[in-house]
Amino acid sequence: MFSYNDNEAEVKLGTLRDAPTALAPTYELWVKRREHWLSPINDAVQYTEDKIA
């Protein structure tokens, strides 16, 4: 786990051994740097850069 608080946890991509899990992303950060061949995650809020708390 990269970081966590009372509301969320940040897990690095590829660190969950048993996929799929019940975990689902609710937002994506820095989407302006998303590779053109990657699609946005359905139903996740898209932030151009950092999420403002």
C-alpha atoms as a PDB file:
ATOM      1  CA  MET A   1       0.000   0.000   0.000  1.00  0.00           C
ATOM      2  CA  PHE A   2       1.366   3.361  -0.999  1.00  0.00           C
ATOM      3  CA  SER A   3      -0.696   5.557   1.316  1.00  0.00           C
ATOM      4  CA  TYR A   4      -4.001   5.599   3.169  1.00  0.00           C
ATOM      5  CA  ASN A   5      -6.234   7.662   5.422  1.00  0.00           C
ATOM      6  CA  ASP A   6      -9.710   7.298   6.946  1.00  0.00           C
ATOM      7  CA  ASN A   7     -11.422   7.720   3.563  1.00  0.00           C
ATOM      8  CA  GLU A   8      -9.226   5.994   0.977  1.00  0.00           C
ATOM      9  CA  ALA A   9      -6.179   3.895   0.203  1.00  0.00           C
ATOM     10  CA  GLU A  10      -3.727   4.261  -2.666  1.00  0.00           C
ATOM     11  CA  VAL A  11      -2.608   0.930  -4.078  1.00  0.00           C
ATOM     12  CA  LYS A  12       0.055   0.768  -6.782  1.00  0.00           C
ATOM     13  CA  LEU A  13      -0.943  -0.836 -10.042  1.00  0.00           C
ATOM     14  CA  GLY A  14      -0.080  -4.532 -10.192  1.00  0.00           C
ATOM     15  CA  THR A  15       0.324  -5.062  -6.449  1.00  0.00           C
ATOM     16  CA  LEU A  16      -2.806  -7.151  -5.887  1.00  0.00           C
ATOM     17  CA  ARG A  17      -1.976 -10.803  -6.391  1.00  0.00           C
ATOM     18  CA  ASP A  18      -5.542 -12.096  -6.673  1.00  0.00           C
ATOM     19  CA  ALA A  19      -7.467 -10.102  -9.230  1.00  0.00           C
ATOM     20  CA  PRO A  20     -10.237  -9.258  -9.731  1.00  0.00           C
ATOM     21  CA  THR A  21     -11.139  -8.040  -6.268  1.00  0.00           C
ATOM     22  CA  ALA A  22     -14.068  -6.097  -4.878  1.00  0.00           C
ATOM     23  CA  LEU A  23     -11.890  -2.967  -4.955  1.00  0.00           C
ATOM     24  CA  ALA A  24     -12.785  -0.457  -7.651  1.00  0.00           C
ATOM     25  CA  PRO A  25     -11.251   2.946  -8.412  1.00  0.00           C
ATOM     26  CA  THR A  26     -13.472   5.953  -7.838  1.00  0.00           C
ATOM     27  CA  TYR A  27     -11.183   8.483  -9.548  1.00  0.00           C
ATOM     28  CA  GLU A  28      -8.140   8.810 -11.804  1.00  0.00           C
ATOM     29  CA  LEU A  29      -5.380  11.394 -11.399  1.00  0.00           C
ATOM     30  CA  TRP A  30      -3.212  13.058 -14.039  1.00  0.00           C
ATOM     31  CA  VAL A  31      -5.401  11.917 -16.915  1.00  0.00           C
ATOM     32  CA  LYS A  32      -3.740  14.517 -19.142  1.00  0.00           C
ATOM     33  CA  ARG A  33      -0.774  12.101 -19.209  1.00  0.00           C
ATOM     34  CA  ARG A  34      -2.831   8.990 -19.960  1.00  0.00           C
ATOM     35  CA  GLU A  35      -1.467   6.974 -22.855  1.00  0.00           C
ATOM     36  CA  HIS A  36      -3.658   7.367 -25.939  1.00  0.00           C
ATOM     37  CA  TRP A  37      -4.333   3.622 -26.038  1.00  0.00           C
ATOM     38  CA  LEU A  38      -5.698   3.506 -22.454  1.00  0.00           C
ATOM     39  CA  SER A  39      -9.398   4.111 -21.925  1.00  0.00           C
ATOM     40  CA  PRO A  40     -10.816   6.044 -18.973  1.00  0.00           C
ATOM     41  CA  ILE A  41     -12.155   3.932 -16.114  1.00  0.00           C
ATOM     42  CA  ASN A  42     -15.954   3.782 -16.296  1.00  0.00           C
ATOM     43  CA  ASP A  43     -17.760   5.727 -13.564  1.00  0.00           C
ATOM     44  CA  ALA A  44     -14.489   7.133 -12.151  1.00  0.00           C
ATOM     45  CA  VAL A  45     -14.051  10.881 -11.715  1.00  0.00           C
ATOM     46  CA  GLN A  46     -11.313  12.153 -14.027  1.00  0.00           C
ATOM     47  CA  TYR A  47      -8.826  14.704 -12.643  1.00  0.00           C
ATOM     48  CA  THR A  48      -6.536  16.435 -15.107  1.00  0.00           C
ATOM     49  CA  GLU A  49      -3.809  16.651 -12.454  1.00  0.00           C
ATOM     50  CA  ASP A  50      -3.935  16.205  -8.658  1.00  0.00           C
ATOM     51  CA  LYS A  51      -7.154  15.804  -6.708  1.00  0.00           C
ATOM     52  CA  ILE A  52      -7.849  18.870  -4.580  1.00  0.00           C
ATOM     53  CA  ALA A  53      -8.990  17.811  -1.098  1.00  0.00           C
END
